[in-house]
Amino acid sequence: MYKICLVEDEVDLSNLIKLYLEKEGYEVVQYREGMEAISNINSNYDLWILDIMLADDVSGYDVLKKIKEYNQ
């Protein structure tokens, strides 16, 4: 089973995306803030779905940068 990390601060949208992905058989872990996602980069996700404009001071681009640094 593939494990997907979903970083989205809009609760309804995040829950809807999670629902559809789980119906297709994926395991989905949700984060509402960029810093929370960054602190869990080492969790071995198969796919990251990132919202670019998050509510905290960390954008999706910042999360992506940290993911790339971790995987080098």
Protein backbone atom coordinates (compact mmCIF):
# COMPACT_ATOMS: atom_id res chain seq x y z
CA MET A 1 0.00 0.00 0.00
CA TYR A 2 1.33 3.41 -0.93
CA LYS A 3 1.58 6.07 1.78
CA ILE A 4 0.68 9.65 0.82
CA CYS A 5 1.41 12.78 2.80
CA LEU A 6 -1.22 15.47 2.29
CA VAL A 7 -0.29 18.98 3.47
CA GLU A 8 -3.37 21.20 3.24
CA ASP A 9 -4.62 23.80 5.72
CA GLU A 10 -8.18 23.96 4.39
CA VAL A 11 -9.92 21.29 6.47
CA ASP A 12 -12.86 20.47 4.16
CA LEU A 13 -10.66 20.22 1.07
CA SER A 14 -8.09 18.10 2.89
CA ASN A 15 -10.75 15.72 4.18
CA LEU A 16 -12.30 15.40 0.71
CA ILE A 17 -8.96 14.62 -0.94
CA LYS A 18 -8.17 12.12 1.81
CA LEU A 19 -11.55 10.41 1.38
CA TYR A 20 -11.09 9.93 -2.37
CA LEU A 21 -7.50 8.71 -2.03
CA GLU A 22 -8.45 6.21 0.68
CA LYS A 23 -11.29 4.90 -1.51
CA GLU A 24 -8.61 4.12 -4.11
CA GLY A 25 -6.64 2.13 -1.54
CA TYR A 26 -3.99 4.63 -0.45
CA GLU A 27 -2.94 5.33 3.12
CA VAL A 28 -3.14 9.11 3.70
CA VAL A 29 -1.54 11.13 6.48
CA GLN A 30 -2.71 14.73 6.81
CA TYR A 31 -0.87 17.78 8.10
CA ARG A 32 -2.39 21.24 8.45
CA GLU A 33 0.87 23.21 8.86
CA GLY A 34 4.16 23.23 7.00
CA MET A 35 6.32 22.93 10.11
CA GLU A 36 4.39 19.85 11.21
CA ALA A 37 5.01 18.25 7.81
CA ILE A 38 8.71 19.19 7.87
CA SER A 39 9.12 17.58 11.28
CA ASN A 40 7.82 14.31 9.77
CA ILE A 41 9.89 14.22 6.56
CA ASN A 42 11.61 11.03 7.69
CA SER A 43 8.32 9.08 7.65
CA ASN A 44 9.00 7.52 4.22
CA TYR A 45 6.06 8.75 2.19
CA ASP A 46 5.66 7.55 -1.39
CA LEU A 47 4.02 10.80 -2.50
CA TRP A 48 3.67 14.32 -1.12
CA ILE A 49 0.69 16.51 -2.01
CA LEU A 50 1.51 20.07 -0.99
CA ASP A 51 -0.60 23.17 -0.70
CA ILE A 52 1.62 26.08 -1.73
CA MET A 53 -0.03 28.77 0.41
CA LEU A 54 -0.29 27.40 3.96
CA ALA A 55 -1.63 29.31 6.96
CA ASP A 56 1.62 29.23 8.94
CA ASP A 57 4.84 30.98 7.89
CA VAL A 58 6.04 27.89 6.00
CA SER A 59 4.91 27.52 2.39
CA GLY A 60 4.62 24.36 0.35
CA TYR A 61 7.79 25.46 -1.44
CA ASP A 62 9.62 25.47 1.91
CA VAL A 63 8.39 21.95 2.62
CA LEU A 64 9.50 20.82 -0.84
CA LYS A 65 12.96 22.32 -0.27
CA LYS A 66 13.32 20.38 2.99
CA ILE A 67 12.16 17.15 1.33
CA LYS A 68 14.80 17.58 -1.37
CA GLU A 69 17.50 18.30 1.25
CA TYR A 70 16.51 15.21 3.24
CA ASN A 71 16.68 12.95 0.17
CA GLN A 72 20.15 14.06 -0.99
